[in-house]
Amino acid sequence: AGFLGFTDVAAGAKGIAKILFFIALIIFLIVLVFGVLLGVLVF
């Protein structure tokens, strides 16, 4: 039971890490796009 519980926790942590990774990636892309747009507007 302990081993199965550990695997469930590991799977949950992996899922959370994947979600956080995608959120960070989306934020990075948004910042990058705004940076390019602002750069074009500035220059």
PDB file of N, CA and C in Angstrom:
ATOM      1  N   ALA A   1       0.848  -1.197   0.000  1.00  0.00           N
ATOM      2  CA  ALA A   1       0.000   0.000   0.000  1.00  0.00           C
ATOM      3  C   ALA A   1       0.882   1.246   0.000  1.00  0.00           C
ATOM      4  N   GLY A   2       1.953   1.189   0.799  1.00  0.00           N
ATOM      5  CA  GLY A   2       2.857   2.342   0.855  1.00  0.00           C
ATOM      6  C   GLY A   2       3.494   2.611  -0.499  1.00  0.00           C
ATOM      7  N   PHE A   3       3.870   1.531  -1.192  1.00  0.00           N
ATOM      8  CA  PHE A   3       4.505   1.696  -2.512  1.00  0.00           C
ATOM      9  C   PHE A   3       3.517   2.298  -3.512  1.00  0.00           C
ATOM     10  N   LEU A   4       2.269   1.814  -3.475  1.00  0.00           N
ATOM     11  CA  LEU A   4       1.255   2.357  -4.393  1.00  0.00           C
ATOM     12  C   LEU A   4       0.981   3.825  -4.066  1.00  0.00           C
ATOM     13  N   GLY A   5       0.936   4.139  -2.773  1.00  0.00           N
ATOM     14  CA  GLY A   5       0.710   5.528  -2.373  1.00  0.00           C
ATOM     15  C   GLY A   5       1.842   6.415  -2.866  1.00  0.00           C
ATOM     16  N   PHE A   6       3.073   5.893  -2.776  1.00  0.00           N
ATOM     17  CA  PHE A   6       4.232   6.671  -3.223  1.00  0.00           C
ATOM     18  C   PHE A   6       4.161   6.940  -4.720  1.00  0.00           C
ATOM     19  N   THR A   7       3.734   5.919  -5.486  1.00  0.00           N
ATOM     20  CA  THR A   7       3.639   6.104  -6.937  1.00  0.00           C
ATOM     21  C   THR A   7       2.552   7.124  -7.270  1.00  0.00           C
ATOM     22  N   ASP A   8       1.456   7.118  -6.496  1.00  0.00           N
ATOM     23  CA  ASP A   8       0.401   8.105  -6.727  1.00  0.00           C
ATOM     24  C   ASP A   8       0.928   9.509  -6.465  1.00  0.00           C
ATOM     25  N   VAL A   9       1.690   9.662  -5.388  1.00  0.00           N
ATOM     26  CA  VAL A   9       2.258  10.968  -5.065  1.00  0.00           C
ATOM     27  C   VAL A   9       3.233  11.400  -6.158  1.00  0.00           C
ATOM     28  N   ALA A  10       4.050  10.460  -6.636  1.00  0.00           N
ATOM     29  CA  ALA A  10       5.018  10.778  -7.682  1.00  0.00           C
ATOM     30  C   ALA A  10       4.291  11.189  -8.958  1.00  0.00           C
ATOM     31  N   ALA A  11       3.213  10.471  -9.301  1.00  0.00           N
ATOM     32  CA  ALA A  11       2.446  10.807 -10.503  1.00  0.00           C
ATOM     33  C   ALA A  11       1.812  12.188 -10.348  1.00  0.00           C
ATOM     34  N   GLY A  12       1.283  12.481  -9.155  1.00  0.00           N
ATOM     35  CA  GLY A  12       0.680  13.789  -8.912  1.00  0.00           C
ATOM     36  C   GLY A  12       1.712  14.888  -9.025  1.00  0.00           C
ATOM     37  N   ALA A  13       2.896  14.669  -8.448  1.00  0.00           N
ATOM     38  CA  ALA A  13       3.957  15.674  -8.507  1.00  0.00           C
ATOM     39  C   ALA A  13       4.392  15.897  -9.953  1.00  0.00           C
ATOM     40  N   LYS A  14       4.446  14.808 -10.732  1.00  0.00           N
ATOM     41  CA  LYS A  14       4.833  14.934 -12.141  1.00  0.00           C
ATOM     42  C   LYS A  14       3.790  15.749 -12.905  1.00  0.00           C
ATOM     43  N   GLY A  15       2.514  15.495 -12.619  1.00  0.00           N
ATOM     44  CA  GLY A  15       1.452  16.248 -13.282  1.00  0.00           C
ATOM     45  C   GLY A  15       1.512  17.720 -12.918  1.00  0.00           C
ATOM     46  N   ILE A  16       1.738  18.012 -11.626  1.00  0.00           N
ATOM     47  CA  ILE A  16       1.835  19.402 -11.179  1.00  0.00           C
ATOM     48  C   ILE A  16       3.029  20.077 -11.838  1.00  0.00           C
ATOM     49  N   ALA A  17       4.153  19.376 -11.905  1.00  0.00           N
ATOM     50  CA  ALA A  17       5.352  19.943 -12.525  1.00  0.00           C
ATOM     51  C   ALA A  17       5.087  20.248 -13.997  1.00  0.00           C
ATOM     52  N   LYS A  18       4.365  19.352 -14.680  1.00  0.00           N
ATOM     53  CA  LYS A  18       4.055  19.573 -16.100  1.00  0.00           C
ATOM     54  C   LYS A  18       3.166  20.807 -16.257  1.00  0.00           C
ATOM     55  N   ILE A  19       2.153  20.948 -15.377  1.00  0.00           N
ATOM     56  CA  ILE A  19       1.257  22.104 -15.445  1.00  0.00           C
ATOM     57  C   ILE A  19       2.046  23.391 -15.206  1.00  0.00           C
ATOM     58  N   LEU A  20       2.901  23.392 -14.169  1.00  0.00           N
ATOM     59  CA  LEU A  20       3.696  24.584 -13.875  1.00  0.00           C
ATOM     60  C   LEU A  20       4.632  24.906 -15.030  1.00  0.00           C
ATOM     61  N   PHE A  21       5.186  23.875 -15.675  1.00  0.00           N
ATOM     62  CA  PHE A  21       6.086  24.088 -16.811  1.00  0.00           C
ATOM     63  C   PHE A  21       5.342  24.759 -17.961  1.00  0.00           C
ATOM     64  N   PHE A  22       4.121  24.277 -18.256  1.00  0.00           N
ATOM     65  CA  PHE A  22       3.351  24.872 -19.352  1.00  0.00           C
ATOM     66  C   PHE A  22       2.954  26.308 -19.016  1.00  0.00           C
ATOM     67  N   ILE A  23       2.604  26.569 -17.736  1.00  0.00           N
ATOM     68  CA  ILE A  23       2.256  27.935 -17.336  1.00  0.00           C
ATOM     69  C   ILE A  23       3.464  28.848 -17.517  1.00  0.00           C
ATOM     70  N   ALA A  24       4.635  28.397 -17.081  1.00  0.00           N
ATOM     71  CA  ALA A  24       5.853  29.198 -17.226  1.00  0.00           C
ATOM     72  C   ALA A  24       6.162  29.429 -18.699  1.00  0.00           C
ATOM     73  N   LEU A  25       5.954  28.405 -19.532  1.00  0.00           N
ATOM     74  CA  LEU A  25       6.227  28.529 -20.966  1.00  0.00           C
ATOM     75  C   LEU A  25       5.286  29.544 -21.606  1.00  0.00           C
ATOM     76  N   ILE A  26       3.999  29.496 -21.240  1.00  0.00           N
ATOM     77  CA  ILE A  26       3.024  30.440 -21.790  1.00  0.00           C
ATOM     78  C   ILE A  26       3.376  31.861 -21.364  1.00  0.00           C
ATOM     79  N   ILE A  27       3.722  32.056 -20.072  1.00  0.00           N
ATOM     80  CA  ILE A  27       4.098  33.387 -19.591  1.00  0.00           C
ATOM     81  C   ILE A  27       5.328  33.881 -20.335  1.00  0.00           C
ATOM     82  N   PHE A  28       6.306  33.003 -20.547  1.00  0.00           N
ATOM     83  CA  PHE A  28       7.523  33.382 -21.266  1.00  0.00           C
ATOM     84  C   PHE A  28       7.190  33.826 -22.681  1.00  0.00           C
ATOM     85  N   LEU A  29       6.319  33.075 -23.368  1.00  0.00           N
ATOM     86  CA  LEU A  29       5.945  33.433 -24.739  1.00  0.00           C
ATOM     87  C   LEU A  29       5.209  34.768 -24.773  1.00  0.00           C
ATOM     88  N   ILE A  30       4.309  35.006 -23.801  1.00  0.00           N
ATOM     89  CA  ILE A  30       3.579  36.274 -23.752  1.00  0.00           C
ATOM     90  C   ILE A  30       4.558  37.426 -23.547  1.00  0.00           C
ATOM     91  N   VAL A  31       5.491  37.273 -22.608  1.00  0.00           N
ATOM     92  CA  VAL A  31       6.485  38.320 -22.356  1.00  0.00           C
ATOM     93  C   VAL A  31       7.334  38.547 -23.600  1.00  0.00           C
ATOM     94  N   LEU A  32       7.707  37.467 -24.266  1.00  0.00           N
ATOM     95  CA  LEU A  32       8.528  37.577 -25.469  1.00  0.00           C
ATOM     96  C   LEU A  32       7.774  38.325 -26.566  1.00  0.00           C
ATOM     97  N   VAL A  33       6.503  37.981 -26.767  1.00  0.00           N
ATOM     98  CA  VAL A  33       5.691  38.650 -27.797  1.00  0.00           C
ATOM     99  C   VAL A  33       5.542  40.133 -27.472  1.00  0.00           C
ATOM    100  N   PHE A  34       5.197  40.457 -26.216  1.00  0.00           N
ATOM    101  CA  PHE A  34       5.058  41.860 -25.843  1.00  0.00           C
ATOM    102  C   PHE A  34       6.388  42.593 -25.975  1.00  0.00           C
ATOM    103  N   GLY A  35       7.476  41.917 -25.652  1.00  0.00           N
ATOM    104  CA  GLY A  35       8.797  42.528 -25.788  1.00  0.00           C
ATOM    105  C   GLY A  35       9.086  42.870 -27.235  1.00  0.00           C
ATOM    106  N   VAL A  36       8.759  41.960 -28.145  1.00  0.00           N
ATOM    107  CA  VAL A  36       8.978  42.215 -29.577  1.00  0.00           C
ATOM    108  C   VAL A  36       8.075  43.349 -30.048  1.00  0.00           C
ATOM    109  N   LEU A  37       6.805  43.319 -29.640  1.00  0.00           N
ATOM    110  CA  LEU A  37       5.869  44.369 -30.064  1.00  0.00           C
ATOM    111  C   LEU A  37       6.308  45.724 -29.527  1.00  0.00           C
ATOM    112  N   LEU A  38       6.688  45.772 -28.247  1.00  0.00           N
ATOM    113  CA  LEU A  38       7.141  47.034 -27.665  1.00  0.00           C
ATOM    114  C   LEU A  38       8.435  47.478 -28.321  1.00  0.00           C
ATOM    115  N   GLY A  39       9.300  46.525 -28.635  1.00  0.00           N
ATOM    116  CA  GLY A  39      10.555  46.854 -29.303  1.00  0.00           C
ATOM    117  C   GLY A  39      10.276  47.471 -30.665  1.00  0.00           C
ATOM    118  N   VAL A  40       9.318  46.899 -31.393  1.00  0.00           N
ATOM    119  CA  VAL A  40       8.960  47.435 -32.711  1.00  0.00           C
ATOM    120  C   VAL A  40       8.357  48.827 -32.549  1.00  0.00           C
ATOM    121  N   LEU A  41       7.513  48.991 -31.525  1.00  0.00           N
ATOM    122  CA  LEU A  41       6.892  50.298 -31.311  1.00  0.00           C
ATOM    123  C   LEU A  41       7.938  51.329 -30.894  1.00  0.00           C
ATOM    124  N   VAL A  42       8.868  50.927 -30.031  1.00  0.00           N
ATOM    125  CA  VAL A  42       9.897  51.852 -29.553  1.00  0.00           C
ATOM    126  C   VAL A  42      10.812  52.255 -30.696  1.00  0.00           C
ATOM    127  N   PHE A  43      11.262  51.253 -31.474  1.00  0.00           N
ATOM    128  CA  PHE A  43      12.161  51.554 -32.582  1.00  0.00           C
ATOM    129  C   PHE A  43      11.353  51.821 -33.842  1.00  0.00           C
TER     130      PHE A  43
END
